[in-house]
PDB file of N, CA and C in Angstrom:
ATOM      1  N   MET A   1     -18.269  -5.600 -22.225  1.00  0.00           N
ATOM      2  CA  MET A   1     -16.673  -5.555 -23.056  1.00  0.00           C
ATOM      3  C   MET A   1     -16.193  -7.223 -22.945  1.00  0.00           C
ATOM      4  N   LYS A   2     -15.841  -7.372 -23.922  1.00  0.00           N
ATOM      5  CA  LYS A   2     -15.051  -8.897 -24.094  1.00  0.00           C
ATOM      6  C   LYS A   2     -14.217  -9.064 -23.586  1.00  0.00           C
ATOM      7  N   PHE A   3     -13.285 -10.258 -22.893  1.00  0.00           N
ATOM      8  CA  PHE A   3     -12.488  -9.712 -22.330  1.00  0.00           C
ATOM      9  C   PHE A   3     -12.051 -11.147 -22.640  1.00  0.00           C
ATOM     10  N   LYS A   4     -10.075 -11.219 -21.775  1.00  0.00           N
ATOM     11  CA  LYS A   4      -9.455 -12.279 -22.129  1.00  0.00           C
ATOM     12  C   LYS A   4      -9.414 -12.413 -20.595  1.00  0.00           C
ATOM     13  N   LEU A   5      -8.471 -14.104 -20.479  1.00  0.00           N
ATOM     14  CA  LEU A   5      -8.196 -13.978 -19.198  1.00  0.00           C
ATOM     15  C   LEU A   5      -6.584 -14.351 -19.384  1.00  0.00           C
ATOM     16  N   SER A   6      -5.301 -14.000 -18.969  1.00  0.00           N
ATOM     17  CA  SER A   6      -3.920 -14.377 -18.602  1.00  0.00           C
ATOM     18  C   SER A   6      -3.913 -15.970 -17.908  1.00  0.00           C
ATOM     19  N   ASP A   7      -2.392 -16.544 -18.228  1.00  0.00           N
ATOM     20  CA  ASP A   7      -2.246 -17.675 -17.842  1.00  0.00           C
ATOM     21  C   ASP A   7      -2.379 -17.716 -16.754  1.00  0.00           C
ATOM     22  N   GLU A   8      -1.857 -16.303 -16.194  1.00  0.00           N
ATOM     23  CA  GLU A   8      -1.325 -16.080 -14.057  1.00  0.00           C
ATOM     24  C   GLU A   8      -2.592 -16.291 -14.210  1.00  0.00           C
ATOM     25  N   PHE A   9      -4.017 -15.844 -14.435  1.00  0.00           N
ATOM     26  CA  PHE A   9      -4.845 -15.044 -13.583  1.00  0.00           C
ATOM     27  C   PHE A   9      -5.383 -16.870 -13.839  1.00  0.00           C
ATOM     28  N   LYS A  10      -5.664 -17.545 -15.383  1.00  0.00           N
ATOM     29  CA  LYS A  10      -5.918 -18.905 -14.723  1.00  0.00           C
ATOM     30  C   LYS A  10      -5.960 -19.909 -13.781  1.00  0.00           C
ATOM     31  N   SER A  11      -4.420 -19.741 -13.931  1.00  0.00           N
ATOM     32  CA  SER A  11      -3.837 -20.896 -12.576  1.00  0.00           C
ATOM     33  C   SER A  11      -4.607 -20.118 -10.951  1.00  0.00           C
ATOM     34  N   LYS A  12      -4.456 -19.196 -10.765  1.00  0.00           N
ATOM     35  CA  LYS A  12      -4.662 -18.202  -9.636  1.00  0.00           C
ATOM     36  C   LYS A  12      -6.467 -18.865  -9.506  1.00  0.00           C
ATOM     37  N   TYR A  13      -7.063 -18.770 -10.234  1.00  0.00           N
ATOM     38  CA  TYR A  13      -8.114 -18.966 -10.137  1.00  0.00           C
ATOM     39  C   TYR A  13      -8.838 -20.806  -9.915  1.00  0.00           C
ATOM     40  N   LYS A  14      -7.908 -21.394 -10.717  1.00  0.00           N
ATOM     41  CA  LYS A  14      -8.457 -22.477 -10.030  1.00  0.00           C
ATOM     42  C   LYS A  14      -7.791 -23.033  -8.273  1.00  0.00           C
ATOM     43  N   LYS A  15      -7.136 -22.352  -8.062  1.00  0.00           N
ATOM     44  CA  LYS A  15      -6.743 -22.619  -6.752  1.00  0.00           C
ATOM     45  C   LYS A  15      -7.453 -22.240  -5.590  1.00  0.00           C
ATOM     46  N   GLN A  16      -8.420 -21.275  -6.194  1.00  0.00           N
ATOM     47  CA  GLN A  16      -9.414 -20.527  -4.973  1.00  0.00           C
ATOM     48  C   GLN A  16     -10.566 -21.227  -4.729  1.00  0.00           C
ATOM     49  N   ASN A  17     -11.019 -20.571  -3.210  1.00  0.00           N
ATOM     50  CA  ASN A  17     -12.336 -21.961  -3.316  1.00  0.00           C
ATOM     51  C   ASN A  17     -14.044 -21.206  -3.685  1.00  0.00           C
ATOM     52  N   VAL A  18     -14.464 -22.204  -3.183  1.00  0.00           N
ATOM     53  CA  VAL A  18     -15.735 -21.796  -4.285  1.00  0.00           C
ATOM     54  C   VAL A  18     -16.432 -20.573  -4.160  1.00  0.00           C
ATOM     55  N   ARG A  19     -16.155 -20.332  -3.124  1.00  0.00           N
ATOM     56  CA  ARG A  19     -16.902 -18.421  -2.559  1.00  0.00           C
ATOM     57  C   ARG A  19     -16.383 -17.535  -3.789  1.00  0.00           C
ATOM     58  N   ILE A  20     -15.283 -18.056  -3.467  1.00  0.00           N
ATOM     59  CA  ILE A  20     -14.141 -16.936  -4.273  1.00  0.00           C
ATOM     60  C   ILE A  20     -14.378 -16.520  -5.571  1.00  0.00           C
ATOM     61  N   LYS A  21     -14.410 -18.127  -5.935  1.00  0.00           N
ATOM     62  CA  LYS A  21     -14.595 -18.715  -7.774  1.00  0.00           C
ATOM     63  C   LYS A  21     -15.841 -18.067  -7.641  1.00  0.00           C
ATOM     64  N   ARG A  22     -16.875 -18.030  -7.758  1.00  0.00           N
ATOM     65  CA  ARG A  22     -18.548 -17.420  -7.517  1.00  0.00           C
ATOM     66  C   ARG A  22     -18.003 -15.900  -7.725  1.00  0.00           C
ATOM     67  N   ALA A  23     -17.987 -15.265  -6.955  1.00  0.00           N
ATOM     68  CA  ALA A  23     -17.516 -13.697  -6.609  1.00  0.00           C
ATOM     69  C   ALA A  23     -16.820 -13.385  -7.971  1.00  0.00           C
ATOM     70  N   ILE A  24     -15.889 -13.795  -8.329  1.00  0.00           N
ATOM     71  CA  ILE A  24     -15.187 -13.712  -9.846  1.00  0.00           C
ATOM     72  C   ILE A  24     -15.969 -13.506 -10.909  1.00  0.00           C
ATOM     73  N   ASP A  25     -16.620 -15.185 -10.864  1.00  0.00           N
ATOM     74  CA  ASP A  25     -17.807 -15.076 -12.024  1.00  0.00           C
ATOM     75  C   ASP A  25     -18.790 -14.040 -11.634  1.00  0.00           C
ATOM     76  N   ARG A  26     -19.359 -13.833 -11.025  1.00  0.00           N
ATOM     77  CA  ARG A  26     -20.532 -12.649 -11.035  1.00  0.00           C
ATOM     78  C   ARG A  26     -19.715 -11.276 -11.530  1.00  0.00           C
ATOM     79  N   THR A  27     -18.401 -10.902 -11.050  1.00  0.00           N
ATOM     80  CA  THR A  27     -17.747  -9.763 -11.604  1.00  0.00           C
ATOM     81  C   THR A  27     -17.717  -9.639 -13.034  1.00  0.00           C
ATOM     82  N   LEU A  28     -17.209 -10.979 -13.541  1.00  0.00           N
ATOM     83  CA  LEU A  28     -16.413 -10.601 -15.094  1.00  0.00           C
ATOM     84  C   LEU A  28     -17.700 -10.643 -15.244  1.00  0.00           C
ATOM     85  N   SER A  29     -18.733 -11.261 -15.276  1.00  0.00           N
ATOM     86  CA  SER A  29     -20.552 -10.935 -15.601  1.00  0.00           C
ATOM     87  C   SER A  29     -21.066  -9.256 -16.075  1.00  0.00           C
ATOM     88  N   VAL A  30     -20.697  -9.153 -14.883  1.00  0.00           N
ATOM     89  CA  VAL A  30     -21.086  -7.463 -14.701  1.00  0.00           C
ATOM     90  C   VAL A  30     -20.334  -7.131 -15.735  1.00  0.00           C
ATOM     91  N   PHE A  31     -19.203  -7.196 -15.533  1.00  0.00           N
ATOM     92  CA  PHE A  31     -17.980  -6.365 -16.727  1.00  0.00           C
ATOM     93  C   PHE A  31     -18.213  -6.836 -18.492  1.00  0.00           C
ATOM     94  N   ALA A  32     -18.670  -7.863 -18.540  1.00  0.00           N
ATOM     95  CA  ALA A  32     -19.338  -8.063 -19.806  1.00  0.00           C
ATOM     96  C   ALA A  32     -19.908  -7.932 -19.977  1.00  0.00           C
ATOM     97  N   GLY A  33     -21.349  -7.375 -19.445  1.00  0.00           N
ATOM     98  CA  GLY A  33     -22.497  -6.884 -19.765  1.00  0.00           C
ATOM     99  C   GLY A  33     -22.490  -5.141 -19.672  1.00  0.00           C
ATOM    100  N   ASP A  34     -21.661  -5.015 -18.883  1.00  0.00           N
ATOM    101  CA  ASP A  34     -21.442  -2.985 -18.901  1.00  0.00           C
ATOM    102  C   ASP A  34     -19.462  -2.852 -18.209  1.00  0.00           C
ATOM    103  N   ALA A  35     -18.635  -2.654 -18.503  1.00  0.00           N
ATOM    104  CA  ALA A  35     -17.042  -2.548 -18.192  1.00  0.00           C
ATOM    105  C   ALA A  35     -17.138  -0.811 -17.702  1.00  0.00           C
ATOM    106  N   SER A  36     -18.487  -0.227 -17.658  1.00  0.00           N
ATOM    107  CA  SER A  36     -17.953   1.138 -16.886  1.00  0.00           C
ATOM    108  C   SER A  36     -19.618   1.203 -15.463  1.00  0.00           C
ATOM    109  N   ASP A  37     -19.727  -0.099 -15.283  1.00  0.00           N
ATOM    110  CA  ASP A  37     -20.844  -0.539 -14.366  1.00  0.00           C
ATOM    111  C   ASP A  37     -20.075   0.104 -12.731  1.00  0.00           C
ATOM    112  N   LEU A  38     -20.770   0.992 -12.682  1.00  0.00           N
ATOM    113  CA  LEU A  38     -20.706   1.675 -10.922  1.00  0.00           C
ATOM    114  C   LEU A  38     -20.150   0.130  -9.982  1.00  0.00           C
ATOM    115  N   SER A  39     -20.727  -1.044  -9.746  1.00  0.00           N
ATOM    116  CA  SER A  39     -20.167  -1.798  -8.726  1.00  0.00           C
ATOM    117  C   SER A  39     -18.884  -2.112  -8.942  1.00  0.00           C
ATOM    118  N   LEU A  40     -18.415  -2.028 -10.247  1.00  0.00           N
ATOM    119  CA  LEU A  40     -16.875  -2.828 -10.677  1.00  0.00           C
ATOM    120  C   LEU A  40     -16.245  -1.433  -9.998  1.00  0.00           C
ATOM    121  N   HIS A  41     -16.199  -0.451  -8.953  1.00  0.00           N
ATOM    122  CA  HIS A  41     -15.167   0.312  -8.742  1.00  0.00           C
ATOM    123  C   HIS A  41     -13.775   0.660  -9.302  1.00  0.00           C
ATOM    124  N   SER A  42     -13.851   0.656 -10.786  1.00  0.00           N
ATOM    125  CA  SER A  42     -13.060   0.830 -11.573  1.00  0.00           C
ATOM    126  C   SER A  42     -12.184   2.176 -11.594  1.00  0.00           C
ATOM    127  N   LYS A  43     -11.097   2.116 -11.182  1.00  0.00           N
ATOM    128  CA  LYS A  43     -10.034   3.381 -10.949  1.00  0.00           C
ATOM    129  C   LYS A  43      -8.892   2.637 -11.673  1.00  0.00           C
ATOM    130  N   LEU A  44      -8.037   3.865 -12.324  1.00  0.00           N
ATOM    131  CA  LEU A  44      -6.414   3.703 -13.257  1.00  0.00           C
ATOM    132  C   LEU A  44      -5.957   3.649 -12.395  1.00  0.00           C
ATOM    133  N   LEU A  45      -4.870   2.755 -12.316  1.00  0.00           N
ATOM    134  CA  LEU A  45      -4.382   2.543 -11.265  1.00  0.00           C
ATOM    135  C   LEU A  45      -2.863   3.263 -11.395  1.00  0.00           C
ATOM    136  N   LYS A  46      -1.847   3.242 -10.331  1.00  0.00           N
ATOM    137  CA  LYS A  46      -0.298   3.902 -10.477  1.00  0.00           C
ATOM    138  C   LYS A  46       0.527   2.678  -9.999  1.00  0.00           C
ATOM    139  N   SER A  47       1.821   3.316 -10.144  1.00  0.00           N
ATOM    140  CA  SER A  47       2.881   2.173  -9.623  1.00  0.00           C
ATOM    141  C   SER A  47       2.478   0.938  -8.713  1.00  0.00           C
ATOM    142  N   PRO A  48       2.834  -0.334  -8.891  1.00  0.00           N
ATOM    143  CA  PRO A  48       3.556  -0.800  -9.881  1.00  0.00           C
ATOM    144  C   PRO A  48       2.830  -1.153 -11.466  1.00  0.00           C
ATOM    145  N   TYR A  49       1.103  -0.689 -11.296  1.00  0.00           N
ATOM    146  CA  TYR A  49       0.659  -1.366 -12.410  1.00  0.00           C
ATOM    147  C   TYR A  49      -0.297  -0.217 -13.337  1.00  0.00           C
ATOM    148  N   GLU A  50       1.257   1.088 -13.021  1.00  0.00           N
ATOM    149  CA  GLU A  50       0.781   2.024 -13.892  1.00  0.00           C
ATOM    150  C   GLU A  50       0.552   1.658 -15.258  1.00  0.00           C
ATOM    151  N   GLY A  51      -1.137   2.494 -15.588  1.00  0.00           N
ATOM    152  CA  GLY A  51      -1.481   2.120 -17.041  1.00  0.00           C
ATOM    153  C   GLY A  51      -2.775   0.820 -17.047  1.00  0.00           C
ATOM    154  N   LEU A  52      -2.255   0.378 -16.052  1.00  0.00           N
ATOM    155  CA  LEU A  52      -4.023  -0.805 -15.753  1.00  0.00           C
ATOM    156  C   LEU A  52      -4.779   0.019 -15.479  1.00  0.00           C
ATOM    157  N   ILE A  53      -5.790  -0.992 -14.945  1.00  0.00           N
ATOM    158  CA  ILE A  53      -7.470  -0.918 -14.625  1.00  0.00           C
ATOM    159  C   ILE A  53      -7.458  -1.480 -13.683  1.00  0.00           C
ATOM    160  N   GLY A  54      -7.827  -1.155 -12.413  1.00  0.00           N
ATOM    161  CA  GLY A  54      -8.519  -1.730 -11.420  1.00  0.00           C
ATOM    162  C   GLY A  54     -10.218  -2.313 -10.916  1.00  0.00           C
ATOM    163  N   ILE A  55     -10.464  -3.361 -10.993  1.00  0.00           N
ATOM    164  CA  ILE A  55     -11.919  -3.374 -10.474  1.00  0.00           C
ATOM    165  C   ILE A  55     -11.879  -4.280  -9.337  1.00  0.00           C
ATOM    166  N   LYS A  56     -12.806  -3.949  -8.793  1.00  0.00           N
ATOM    167  CA  LYS A  56     -13.297  -4.561  -7.105  1.00  0.00           C
ATOM    168  C   LYS A  56     -13.935  -6.130  -6.906  1.00  0.00           C
ATOM    169  N   ILE A  57     -13.980  -7.037  -7.100  1.00  0.00           N
ATOM    170  CA  ILE A  57     -14.473  -8.223  -7.689  1.00  0.00           C
ATOM    171  C   ILE A  57     -15.607  -8.315  -5.759  1.00  0.00           C
ATOM    172  N   ASP A  58     -16.521  -8.153  -6.362  1.00  0.00           N
ATOM    173  CA  ASP A  58     -18.035  -8.956  -5.722  1.00  0.00           C
ATOM    174  C   ASP A  58     -17.346  -7.903  -4.125  1.00  0.00           C
ATOM    175  N   HIS A  59     -18.937  -7.695  -3.393  1.00  0.00           N
ATOM    176  CA  HIS A  59     -18.555  -6.718  -2.699  1.00  0.00           C
ATOM    177  C   HIS A  59     -18.308  -7.619  -1.382  1.00  0.00           C
ATOM    178  N   LYS A  60     -18.887  -8.761  -1.467  1.00  0.00           N
ATOM    179  CA  LYS A  60     -18.999 -10.139  -0.431  1.00  0.00           C
ATOM    180  C   LYS A  60     -17.322 -10.835  -0.114  1.00  0.00           C
ATOM    181  N   THR A  61     -16.792 -10.436  -1.024  1.00  0.00           N
ATOM    182  CA  THR A  61     -15.066 -11.242  -0.758  1.00  0.00           C
ATOM    183  C   THR A  61     -14.310 -10.274   0.386  1.00  0.00           C
ATOM    184  N   ASN A  62     -15.050  -8.856   0.357  1.00  0.00           N
ATOM    185  CA  ASN A  62     -14.299  -7.622   0.879  1.00  0.00           C
ATOM    186  C   ASN A  62     -13.441  -7.089   0.443  1.00  0.00           C
ATOM    187  N   ASP A  63     -12.078  -7.765   0.022  1.00  0.00           N
ATOM    188  CA  ASP A  63     -11.203  -6.652  -0.419  1.00  0.00           C
ATOM    189  C   ASP A  63     -10.249  -7.033  -1.439  1.00  0.00           C
ATOM    190  N   TYR A  64     -11.084  -7.850  -2.307  1.00  0.00           N
ATOM    191  CA  TYR A  64     -10.061  -8.649  -3.885  1.00  0.00           C
ATOM    192  C   TYR A  64     -10.371  -7.685  -4.803  1.00  0.00           C
ATOM    193  N   ARG A  65      -9.327  -7.714  -5.271  1.00  0.00           N
ATOM    194  CA  ARG A  65      -9.342  -6.212  -6.940  1.00  0.00           C
ATOM    195  C   ARG A  65      -9.056  -7.376  -8.174  1.00  0.00           C
ATOM    196  N   ALA A  66      -9.155  -7.030  -9.230  1.00  0.00           N
ATOM    197  CA  ALA A  66      -8.556  -8.249 -10.335  1.00  0.00           C
ATOM    198  C   ALA A  66      -7.983  -6.203 -10.919  1.00  0.00           C
ATOM    199  N   ILE A  67      -6.901  -7.088 -11.656  1.00  0.00           N
ATOM    200  CA  ILE A  67      -6.008  -5.585 -12.458  1.00  0.00           C
ATOM    201  C   ILE A  67      -6.011  -6.445 -14.043  1.00  0.00           C
ATOM    202  N   TYR A  68      -6.494  -5.143 -14.866  1.00  0.00           N
ATOM    203  CA  TYR A  68      -7.122  -6.377 -16.253  1.00  0.00           C
ATOM    204  C   TYR A  68      -6.216  -4.791 -17.222  1.00  0.00           C
ATOM    205  N   GLU A  69      -6.146  -4.791 -18.373  1.00  0.00           N
ATOM    206  CA  GLU A  69      -5.839  -3.486 -19.786  1.00  0.00           C
ATOM    207  C   GLU A  69      -6.529  -3.473 -20.492  1.00  0.00           C
ATOM    208  N   GLU A  70      -6.497  -2.457 -21.601  1.00  0.00           N
ATOM    209  CA  GLU A  70      -7.483  -2.531 -22.648  1.00  0.00           C
ATOM    210  C   GLU A  70      -6.877  -2.633 -23.621  1.00  0.00           C
ATOM    211  N   ILE A  71      -6.860  -3.702 -24.661  1.00  0.00           N
ATOM    212  CA  ILE A  71      -6.482  -3.981 -25.752  1.00  0.00           C
ATOM    213  C   ILE A  71      -6.628  -3.951 -27.267  1.00  0.00           C
ATOM    214  N   GLU A  72      -6.035  -3.217 -28.132  1.00  0.00           N
ATOM    215  CA  GLU A  72      -6.847  -2.608 -29.505  1.00  0.00           C
ATOM    216  C   GLU A  72      -6.293  -3.775 -30.538  1.00  0.00           C
ATOM    217  N   GLU A  73      -6.295  -4.691 -31.221  1.00  0.00           N
ATOM    218  CA  GLU A  73      -5.848  -5.687 -31.845  1.00  0.00           C
ATOM    219  C   GLU A  73      -6.947  -5.360 -33.291  1.00  0.00           C
ATOM    220  N   ARG A  74      -6.870  -5.330 -34.848  1.00  0.00           N
ATOM    221  CA  ARG A  74      -7.088  -5.120 -35.636  1.00  0.00           C
ATOM    222  C   ARG A  74      -8.735  -4.786 -35.224  1.00  0.00           C
ATOM    223  N   ASP A  75      -8.631  -3.519 -34.949  1.00  0.00           N
ATOM    224  CA  ASP A  75     -10.432  -2.413 -34.800  1.00  0.00           C
ATOM    225  C   ASP A  75     -10.891  -3.382 -33.987  1.00  0.00           C
ATOM    226  N   GLU A  76     -10.616  -4.490 -33.105  1.00  0.00           N
ATOM    227  CA  GLU A  76     -11.137  -5.270 -32.058  1.00  0.00           C
ATOM    228  C   GLU A  76     -10.645  -4.657 -30.585  1.00  0.00           C
ATOM    229  N   LYS A  77     -11.124  -4.423 -29.239  1.00  0.00           N
ATOM    230  CA  LYS A  77     -11.091  -3.357 -28.526  1.00  0.00           C
ATOM    231  C   LYS A  77     -11.114  -4.601 -27.407  1.00  0.00           C
ATOM    232  N   TYR A  78     -10.802  -5.032 -26.223  1.00  0.00           N
ATOM    233  CA  TYR A  78     -10.799  -5.874 -24.927  1.00  0.00           C
ATOM    234  C   TYR A  78     -10.444  -5.763 -24.258  1.00  0.00           C
ATOM    235  N   ALA A  79     -10.738  -6.503 -23.263  1.00  0.00           N
ATOM    236  CA  ALA A  79      -9.604  -6.424 -22.063  1.00  0.00           C
ATOM    237  C   ALA A  79      -8.876  -7.474 -21.572  1.00  0.00           C
ATOM    238  N   LYS A  80      -8.338  -7.773 -21.060  1.00  0.00           N
ATOM    239  CA  LYS A  80      -7.022  -8.471 -21.209  1.00  0.00           C
ATOM    240  C   LYS A  80      -6.755  -8.952 -19.424  1.00  0.00           C
ATOM    241  N   PHE A  81      -7.432  -9.882 -18.351  1.00  0.00           N
ATOM    242  CA  PHE A  81      -7.505  -9.992 -17.247  1.00  0.00           C
ATOM    243  C   PHE A  81      -6.336 -10.260 -17.006  1.00  0.00           C
ATOM    244  N   ARG A  82      -4.593  -9.659 -16.073  1.00  0.00           N
ATOM    245  CA  ARG A  82      -3.447 -10.336 -16.086  1.00  0.00           C
ATOM    246  C   ARG A  82      -3.761 -11.045 -14.550  1.00  0.00           C
ATOM    247  N   ILE A  83      -4.307 -10.473 -13.944  1.00  0.00           N
ATOM    248  CA  ILE A  83      -3.831 -11.093 -12.196  1.00  0.00           C
ATOM    249  C   ILE A  83      -5.208 -10.640 -11.253  1.00  0.00           C
ATOM    250  N   PHE A  84      -5.344 -11.379  -9.852  1.00  0.00           N
ATOM    251  CA  PHE A  84      -6.638 -10.678  -8.936  1.00  0.00           C
ATOM    252  C   PHE A  84      -6.021 -11.465  -7.563  1.00  0.00           C
ATOM    253  N   GLY A  85      -6.043 -10.635  -6.195  1.00  0.00           N
ATOM    254  CA  GLY A  85      -5.724 -10.973  -5.753  1.00  0.00           C
ATOM    255  C   GLY A  85      -6.387 -10.237  -4.199  1.00  0.00           C
ATOM    256  N   THR A  86      -5.672 -10.557  -3.052  1.00  0.00           N
ATOM    257  CA  THR A  86      -6.538  -9.210  -2.072  1.00  0.00           C
ATOM    258  C   THR A  86      -5.513  -7.322  -1.939  1.00  0.00           C
ATOM    259  N   HIS A  87      -5.825  -6.781  -1.758  1.00  0.00           N
ATOM    260  CA  HIS A  87      -5.504  -5.468  -1.763  1.00  0.00           C
ATOM    261  C   HIS A  87      -4.116  -5.284  -1.612  1.00  0.00           C
ATOM    262  N   ASP A  88      -4.090  -6.425  -0.592  1.00  0.00           N
ATOM    263  CA  ASP A  88      -2.272  -6.435   0.071  1.00  0.00           C
ATOM    264  C   ASP A  88      -1.815  -7.047  -0.704  1.00  0.00           C
ATOM    265  N   GLU A  89      -1.848  -8.213  -1.284  1.00  0.00           N
ATOM    266  CA  GLU A  89      -1.056  -9.217  -1.955  1.00  0.00           C
ATOM    267  C   GLU A  89      -0.785  -8.201  -3.067  1.00  0.00           C
ATOM    268  N   LEU A  90      -1.488  -7.528  -4.107  1.00  0.00           N
ATOM    269  CA  LEU A  90      -1.577  -6.299  -4.853  1.00  0.00           C
ATOM    270  C   LEU A  90      -0.273  -5.932  -4.721  1.00  0.00           C
ATOM    271  N   PHE A  91      -0.939  -4.926  -3.695  1.00  0.00           N
ATOM    272  CA  PHE A  91       0.376  -3.146  -3.965  1.00  0.00           C
ATOM    273  C   PHE A  91       0.814  -3.249  -2.152  1.00  0.00           C
ATOM    274  N   ASN A  92       0.649  -3.971  -1.243  1.00  0.00           N
ATOM    275  CA  ASN A  92       1.920  -4.324  -0.189  1.00  0.00           C
ATOM    276  C   ASN A  92       2.732  -5.094  -0.148  1.00  0.00           C
ATOM    277  N   VAL A  93       3.059  -5.967  -1.130  1.00  0.00           N
ATOM    278  CA  VAL A  93       4.251  -7.159  -1.036  1.00  0.00           C
ATOM    279  C   VAL A  93       5.006  -6.815   0.095  1.00  0.00           C
ATOM    280  N   GLY A  94       6.268  -5.595  -0.282  1.00  0.00           N
ATOM    281  CA  GLY A  94       7.374  -4.955  -0.073  1.00  0.00           C
ATOM    282  C   GLY A  94       7.188  -4.709   1.299  1.00  0.00           C
ATOM    283  N   LYS A  95       5.925  -3.696   2.230  1.00  0.00           N
ATOM    284  CA  LYS A  95       5.271  -3.373   3.242  1.00  0.00           C
ATOM    285  C   LYS A  95       5.136  -4.134   4.227  1.00  0.00           C
ATOM    286  N   ASN A  96       4.644  -4.885   3.721  1.00  0.00           N
ATOM    287  CA  ASN A  96       3.764  -6.341   4.809  1.00  0.00           C
ATOM    288  C   ASN A  96       4.877  -7.082   5.447  1.00  0.00           C
ATOM    289  N   GLU A  97       5.960  -7.473   4.561  1.00  0.00           N
ATOM    290  CA  GLU A  97       6.895  -8.250   5.018  1.00  0.00           C
ATOM    291  C   GLU A  97       7.800  -7.445   5.795  1.00  0.00           C
ATOM    292  N   LYS A  98       8.118  -5.892   5.356  1.00  0.00           N
ATOM    293  CA  LYS A  98       8.911  -5.167   6.205  1.00  0.00           C
ATOM    294  C   LYS A  98       8.514  -4.921   7.577  1.00  0.00           C
ATOM    295  N   LYS A  99       7.183  -4.714   8.120  1.00  0.00           N
ATOM    296  CA  LYS A  99       6.344  -4.804   9.194  1.00  0.00           C
ATOM    297  C   LYS A  99       6.619  -6.049   9.716  1.00  0.00           C
ATOM    298  N   LYS A 100       6.134  -7.196   9.055  1.00  0.00           N
ATOM    299  CA  LYS A 100       6.857  -8.553  10.172  1.00  0.00           C
ATOM    300  C   LYS A 100       7.792  -8.840  10.496  1.00  0.00           C
ATOM    301  N   THR A 101       9.023  -8.215   9.917  1.00  0.00           N
ATOM    302  CA  THR A 101      10.326  -8.371  10.689  1.00  0.00           C
ATOM    303  C   THR A 101      10.417  -7.337  11.604  1.00  0.00           C
ATOM    304  N   THR A 102      10.168  -6.590  11.515  1.00  0.00           N
ATOM    305  CA  THR A 102      10.149  -5.262  12.378  1.00  0.00           C
ATOM    306  C   THR A 102       9.734  -5.523  13.822  1.00  0.00           C
ATOM    307  N   ALA A 103       8.067  -6.470  13.720  1.00  0.00           N
ATOM    308  CA  ALA A 103       7.814  -6.853  14.363  1.00  0.00           C
ATOM    309  C   ALA A 103       7.731  -8.153  15.508  1.00  0.00           C
ATOM    310  N   LYS A 104       8.581  -9.191  14.470  1.00  0.00           N
ATOM    311  CA  LYS A 104       9.481  -9.977  15.628  1.00  0.00           C
ATOM    312  C   LYS A 104      10.558  -9.617  16.313  1.00  0.00           C
ATOM    313  N   ARG A 105      11.234  -8.872  15.813  1.00  0.00           N
ATOM    314  CA  ARG A 105      11.960  -8.033  16.694  1.00  0.00           C
ATOM    315  C   ARG A 105      11.480  -7.447  17.865  1.00  0.00           C
ATOM    316  N   GLN A 106      10.760  -6.883  17.754  1.00  0.00           N
ATOM    317  CA  GLN A 106      10.185  -5.929  19.048  1.00  0.00           C
ATOM    318  C   GLN A 106       9.679  -6.788  19.886  1.00  0.00           C
ATOM    319  N   LYS A 107       9.389  -7.902  19.582  1.00  0.00           N
ATOM    320  CA  LYS A 107       8.607  -9.136  20.563  1.00  0.00           C
ATOM    321  C   LYS A 107       9.659 -10.025  21.086  1.00  0.00           C
ATOM    322  N   SER A 108      10.971 -10.788  20.283  1.00  0.00           N
ATOM    323  CA  SER A 108      11.661 -11.455  20.812  1.00  0.00           C
ATOM    324  C   SER A 108      11.973 -11.253  22.164  1.00  0.00           C
ATOM    325  N   PRO A 109      12.730 -10.212  22.601  1.00  0.00           N
ATOM    326  CA  PRO A 109      12.545  -9.666  23.997  1.00  0.00           C
ATOM    327  C   PRO A 109      12.127 -10.279  25.118  1.00  0.00           C
ATOM    328  N   ARG A 110      10.743  -9.572  24.922  1.00  0.00           N
ATOM    329  CA  ARG A 110      10.005  -9.881  26.466  1.00  0.00           C
ATOM    330  C   ARG A 110       9.738 -11.217  26.231  1.00  0.00           C
ATOM    331  N   LEU A 111       9.810 -12.074  24.851  1.00  0.00           N
ATOM    332  CA  LEU A 111       9.613 -13.300  25.015  1.00  0.00           C
ATOM    333  C   LEU A 111      10.632 -14.313  25.801  1.00  0.00           C
ATOM    334  N   VAL A 112      11.484 -13.860  25.922  1.00  0.00           N
ATOM    335  CA  VAL A 112      12.596 -14.807  26.278  1.00  0.00           C
ATOM    336  C   VAL A 112      12.708 -14.579  27.601  1.00  0.00           C
ATOM    337  N   LYS A 113      13.148 -15.560  28.932  1.00  0.00           N
ATOM    338  CA  LYS A 113      12.834 -15.107  29.874  1.00  0.00           C
ATOM    339  C   LYS A 113      14.158 -15.578  30.761  1.00  0.00           C
ATOM    340  N   LYS A 114      14.664 -14.661  31.683  1.00  0.00           N
ATOM    341  CA  LYS A 114      16.108 -14.501  32.099  1.00  0.00           C
ATOM    342  C   LYS A 114      15.905 -15.644  33.083  1.00  0.00           C
ATOM    343  N   ARG A 115      17.419 -16.520  33.099  1.00  0.00           N
ATOM    344  CA  ARG A 115      17.784 -17.118  33.685  1.00  0.00           C
ATOM    345  C   ARG A 115      17.938 -17.121  35.476  1.00  0.00           C
ATOM    346  N   GLY A 116      16.965 -17.696  35.796  1.00  0.00           N
ATOM    347  CA  GLY A 116      17.249 -17.344  37.773  1.00  0.00           C
ATOM    348  C   GLY A 116      16.388 -16.254  37.956  1.00  0.00           C
ATOM    349  N   SER A 117      15.085 -15.743  36.965  1.00  0.00           N
ATOM    350  CA  SER A 117      14.666 -14.511  37.080  1.00  0.00           C
ATOM    351  C   SER A 117      13.612 -14.978  37.617  1.00  0.00           C
ATOM    352  N   LYS A 118      13.042 -14.424  39.148  1.00  0.00           N
ATOM    353  CA  LYS A 118      11.819 -15.524  39.765  1.00  0.00           C
ATOM    354  C   LYS A 118      10.509 -14.084  39.117  1.00  0.00           C
ATOM    355  N   ARG A 119       9.083 -14.407  38.366  1.00  0.00           N
ATOM    356  CA  ARG A 119       8.139 -13.352  38.053  1.00  0.00           C
ATOM    357  C   ARG A 119       6.983 -13.944  39.235  1.00  0.00           C
ATOM    358  N   ARG A 120       6.432 -12.951  39.285  1.00  0.00           N
ATOM    359  CA  ARG A 120       5.871 -12.569  40.716  1.00  0.00           C
ATOM    360  C   ARG A 120       4.177 -12.188  40.495  1.00  0.00           C
TER     361      ARG A 120
END
C-alpha cells in the first residue's frame, strides 16, 4: 500500500537514533509490500485515536508503535502515518503523570530525616 508521512512523523523521525530509524524503515518497507502482513500486528484503535490504525514497529524495538489513517482521494487509497512512539508515549500520557506525582508524595516523608533523631 502506498503511504505518506505527516510533518510531525518526519520531524520526530529525524530526532531518533539509528536503531529506531532502521526499525521504522524496515516496518514501512513491509507495510508498502503488504499492509495486512501479520508481523505488523495491525489493529483498529479506540480513544484517543478513534478510527485510526496502529501497527507495531519491528519486534526488536520492543514497544514502538506507528499510527496511521487510510485516506481515499480521487480513486486512490493510501495510508497517512500521523505519529509514532512507545506505547506509553502514545497511550498513557496522563496516567503516567499521575503515577509520578503520587510516587513522589509517598516517598518524600521517608527521605526527610527528623532533627535530633538518631538512627540505629
